[in-house]
N, C-alpha and C. Protein backbone atom coordinates (compact mmCIF):
# COMPACT_ATOMS: atom_id res chain seq x y z
N MET A 1 -25.88 67.69 13.92
CA MET A 1 -24.52 66.84 13.37
C MET A 1 -23.60 67.12 14.90
N THR A 2 -22.57 66.84 14.38
CA THR A 2 -21.72 66.91 14.93
C THR A 2 -20.06 67.71 14.39
N SER A 3 -19.72 68.04 14.65
CA SER A 3 -18.30 68.86 14.14
C SER A 3 -17.47 68.14 13.02
N ASP A 4 -17.09 66.63 13.22
CA ASP A 4 -17.10 65.95 11.95
C ASP A 4 -17.74 65.82 11.07
N ASP A 5 -19.37 66.14 11.24
CA ASP A 5 -19.57 65.89 9.68
C ASP A 5 -19.85 67.55 9.10
N ILE A 6 -19.37 68.16 9.76
CA ILE A 6 -19.05 69.34 9.03
C ILE A 6 -18.07 69.70 8.29
N HIS A 7 -18.03 70.72 7.13
CA HIS A 7 -16.51 70.98 6.52
C HIS A 7 -16.80 72.56 6.51
N VAL A 8 -15.34 73.02 6.99
CA VAL A 8 -15.64 74.67 6.46
C VAL A 8 -14.09 74.91 5.67
N GLU A 9 -14.52 74.69 4.24
CA GLU A 9 -13.16 75.59 3.35
C GLU A 9 -13.19 76.66 2.87
N LEU A 10 -12.30 77.21 2.53
CA LEU A 10 -11.66 78.56 1.62
C LEU A 10 -11.02 78.34 0.31
N HIS A 11 -11.20 78.58 -0.83
CA HIS A 11 -10.94 78.13 -1.71
C HIS A 11 -10.76 79.31 -2.43
N GLU A 12 -9.56 80.34 -3.11
CA GLU A 12 -9.14 81.28 -4.24
C GLU A 12 -10.81 82.44 -3.91
N GLY A 13 -11.00 82.73 -2.68
CA GLY A 13 -11.87 83.98 -2.15
C GLY A 13 -12.92 83.35 -1.88
N THR A 14 -13.44 82.18 -2.16
CA THR A 14 -14.96 81.27 -1.79
C THR A 14 -15.00 81.09 -0.44
N LEU A 15 -15.77 81.18 0.55
CA LEU A 15 -16.07 80.25 1.15
C LEU A 15 -17.31 79.49 1.41
N LYS A 16 -16.72 77.66 1.61
CA LYS A 16 -17.66 77.04 1.70
C LYS A 16 -18.08 76.28 2.67
N VAL A 17 -19.24 75.80 3.08
CA VAL A 17 -19.82 75.40 4.13
C VAL A 17 -20.61 73.87 3.97
N SER A 18 -20.30 72.84 3.58
CA SER A 18 -21.05 71.91 3.82
C SER A 18 -21.09 71.05 4.42
N GLY A 19 -22.03 69.64 4.85
CA GLY A 19 -21.85 68.73 5.48
C GLY A 19 -23.00 67.87 5.38
N GLU A 20 -22.66 66.38 6.00
CA GLU A 20 -23.60 65.44 5.75
C GLU A 20 -23.60 63.94 6.48
N LYS A 21 -25.04 64.05 6.98
CA LYS A 21 -24.72 63.07 8.12
C LYS A 21 -26.15 61.48 7.81
N SER A 22 -25.71 60.53 7.88
CA SER A 22 -26.54 59.27 7.65
C SER A 22 -27.18 58.73 8.79
N LYS A 23 -28.11 58.32 9.19
CA LYS A 23 -28.42 58.06 10.46
C LYS A 23 -29.07 56.33 9.52
N HIS A 24 -28.93 55.08 10.41
CA HIS A 24 -29.71 54.06 10.19
C HIS A 24 -30.06 53.28 11.29
N GLN A 25 -31.47 53.10 11.47
CA GLN A 25 -32.33 52.49 12.51
C GLN A 25 -32.93 51.39 12.51
N GLU A 26 -32.67 50.23 13.40
CA GLU A 26 -33.48 48.83 12.98
C GLU A 26 -34.38 48.67 14.28
N GLU A 27 -35.03 47.88 13.68
CA GLU A 27 -36.28 47.38 15.34
C GLU A 27 -36.38 45.92 14.82
N GLY A 28 -36.22 44.94 15.94
CA GLY A 28 -36.55 43.67 15.62
C GLY A 28 -35.22 43.14 15.86
N LYS A 29 -35.52 42.08 15.37
CA LYS A 29 -33.91 40.79 15.04
C LYS A 29 -34.35 40.20 14.13
N PRO A 30 -33.26 39.71 12.93
CA PRO A 30 -33.42 38.84 11.75
C PRO A 30 -34.17 37.36 12.45
N GLY A 31 -35.18 37.08 11.59
CA GLY A 31 -35.53 35.62 12.21
C GLY A 31 -36.95 36.18 12.59
N GLN A 32 -37.37 37.09 12.74
CA GLN A 32 -38.28 37.71 13.68
C GLN A 32 -39.31 37.66 12.52
N ARG A 33 -41.25 37.70 12.65
CA ARG A 33 -42.04 38.43 11.69
C ARG A 33 -41.97 39.18 11.19
N VAL A 34 -41.58 40.29 12.54
CA VAL A 34 -41.94 41.99 11.85
C VAL A 34 -40.13 42.62 12.78
N TRP A 35 -39.37 43.08 10.81
CA TRP A 35 -38.57 43.78 11.23
C TRP A 35 -38.06 44.87 10.39
N ARG A 36 -37.98 45.53 10.99
CA ARG A 36 -38.22 47.68 10.74
C ARG A 36 -36.93 47.87 10.71
N GLN A 37 -36.70 48.29 9.14
CA GLN A 37 -35.12 49.24 8.87
C GLN A 37 -35.46 50.57 8.46
N GLU A 38 -34.89 51.63 9.02
CA GLU A 38 -35.00 53.45 8.33
C GLU A 38 -33.64 53.68 8.24
N ARG A 39 -33.95 54.08 6.84
CA ARG A 39 -32.56 55.29 6.86
C ARG A 39 -32.81 56.51 6.35
N SER A 40 -32.06 57.58 6.95
CA SER A 40 -32.11 58.74 6.40
C SER A 40 -30.84 59.64 6.09
N PHE A 41 -30.86 60.07 5.34
CA PHE A 41 -29.63 60.74 4.74
C PHE A 41 -30.16 62.62 4.36
N GLN A 42 -28.72 63.02 4.88
CA GLN A 42 -29.18 64.86 5.17
C GLN A 42 -27.80 65.30 4.67
N LYS A 43 -27.87 66.17 3.68
CA LYS A 43 -27.03 66.84 2.67
C LYS A 43 -26.69 68.47 2.67
N PHE A 44 -26.43 69.52 2.97
CA PHE A 44 -26.38 70.61 2.57
C PHE A 44 -25.01 70.90 1.97
N SER A 45 -24.89 72.09 1.47
CA SER A 45 -23.95 73.17 0.96
C SER A 45 -24.05 74.25 0.22
N ARG A 46 -23.32 75.25 1.07
CA ARG A 46 -23.60 76.55 0.73
C ARG A 46 -22.56 77.20 -0.13
N CYS A 47 -22.20 78.39 -0.38
CA CYS A 47 -20.85 78.64 -0.52
C CYS A 47 -21.16 80.58 -0.82
N PHE A 48 -20.04 81.24 -0.40
CA PHE A 48 -20.04 82.60 -0.06
C PHE A 48 -19.15 83.02 -0.29
N SER A 49 -19.00 84.20 -1.32
CA SER A 49 -18.12 84.82 -2.12
C SER A 49 -17.72 85.99 -0.90
N LEU A 50 -16.16 85.70 -0.52
CA LEU A 50 -15.82 87.08 0.20
C LEU A 50 -15.47 88.66 -0.43
N PRO A 51 -15.42 89.38 0.75
CA PRO A 51 -14.80 90.78 0.02
C PRO A 51 -13.29 90.57 -0.56
N GLU A 52 -12.43 91.26 -1.13
CA GLU A 52 -11.06 91.63 -1.18
C GLU A 52 -10.25 91.54 0.23
N ASN A 53 -11.37 92.33 0.81
CA ASN A 53 -9.85 92.46 1.96
C ASN A 53 -10.19 92.07 3.06
N THR A 54 -10.97 90.79 3.12
CA THR A 54 -10.53 89.23 3.90
C THR A 54 -9.40 88.61 4.33
N ASN A 55 -9.19 88.43 5.40
CA ASN A 55 -8.03 87.91 6.07
C ASN A 55 -8.01 86.22 6.34
N PRO A 56 -7.62 85.82 5.28
CA PRO A 56 -7.92 84.35 5.24
C PRO A 56 -7.58 83.76 6.33
N GLU A 57 -6.28 84.59 6.84
CA GLU A 57 -6.16 83.91 8.13
C GLU A 57 -6.47 83.86 8.93
N ALA A 58 -7.58 84.64 9.57
CA ALA A 58 -7.94 84.99 10.43
C ALA A 58 -9.58 84.37 10.45
N ILE A 59 -9.65 83.23 9.33
CA ILE A 59 -11.52 83.19 9.78
C ILE A 59 -10.82 81.49 10.24
N SER A 60 -12.22 81.88 11.39
CA SER A 60 -12.80 80.50 12.28
C SER A 60 -14.17 80.21 12.21
N ALA A 61 -14.35 79.01 12.74
CA ALA A 61 -15.69 78.68 13.02
C ALA A 61 -15.74 77.79 14.05
N LYS A 62 -16.80 77.42 14.52
CA LYS A 62 -16.81 76.57 15.76
C LYS A 62 -18.41 76.34 15.94
N LEU A 63 -18.86 75.40 16.19
CA LEU A 63 -20.17 74.67 16.40
C LEU A 63 -20.28 74.16 17.75
N GLU A 64 -21.22 75.22 18.41
CA GLU A 64 -21.81 74.85 19.92
C GLU A 64 -23.07 74.48 19.59
N HIS A 65 -23.76 73.06 20.34
CA HIS A 65 -24.75 73.11 20.49
C HIS A 65 -25.98 73.22 19.48
N GLY A 66 -25.15 72.75 18.36
CA GLY A 66 -25.85 72.61 17.12
C GLY A 66 -26.10 74.03 15.91
N VAL A 67 -25.16 74.82 16.46
CA VAL A 67 -25.03 76.30 15.93
C VAL A 67 -23.86 76.13 15.40
N LEU A 68 -23.69 76.80 14.46
CA LEU A 68 -22.32 77.07 13.68
C LEU A 68 -22.04 78.61 13.61
N THR A 69 -20.73 78.38 13.67
CA THR A 69 -20.55 80.45 14.10
C THR A 69 -19.17 79.99 13.32
N VAL A 70 -19.46 81.05 12.11
CA VAL A 70 -18.30 81.42 11.55
C VAL A 70 -17.76 82.85 11.49
N GLU A 71 -16.29 83.00 11.83
CA GLU A 71 -16.19 84.40 12.04
C GLU A 71 -15.19 84.78 10.94
N VAL A 72 -15.17 85.95 10.27
CA VAL A 72 -14.54 86.41 9.14
C VAL A 72 -14.35 87.97 9.76
N CYS A 73 -12.37 88.20 9.26
CA CYS A 73 -12.32 89.39 9.60
C CYS A 73 -12.08 89.90 8.40
N ASN A 74 -11.72 91.31 8.49
CA ASN A 74 -11.17 91.92 6.99
C ASN A 74 -10.24 92.72 7.35
N LEU A 75 -8.94 93.02 6.72
CA LEU A 75 -7.92 93.65 6.75
C LEU A 75 -7.83 95.48 7.38
N ASP A 76 -8.93 95.12 6.74
CA ASP A 76 -9.43 96.92 7.73
C ASP A 76 -10.15 96.78 8.90
N ALA A 77 -9.94 95.97 9.81
CA ALA A 77 -10.75 95.93 10.92
C ALA A 77 -9.52 95.61 11.98
N GLU A 78 -8.47 95.08 11.26
CA GLU A 78 -7.19 94.36 11.46
C GLU A 78 -6.28 95.79 12.26
N LYS A 79 -6.48 96.61 11.28
CA LYS A 79 -5.36 97.49 10.83
C LYS A 79 -6.39 98.78 12.07
N GLN A 80 -6.78 98.92 12.00
CA GLN A 80 -8.02 99.93 13.60
C GLN A 80 -7.73 99.58 14.96
N SER A 81 -7.41 98.13 15.02
CA SER A 81 -6.73 97.41 16.34
C SER A 81 -6.00 97.81 17.03
């Protein structure tokens, strides 16, 4: 999946990570005796309740080499810095 296929949203203390991807593959040409079509569809969605002391401005997400990393900071950790 690419970063365009994945969505990260925060709504009322709930972090939602979702994504979908479709793939269409064809072999052969129209008019030939054998023509194969294959379609696949992948979709996922996960929701996480965040603690009340979460700083919504400090949430970040990145996708590298097929691995999605979401970082969530709480207000107490920022005060200690």
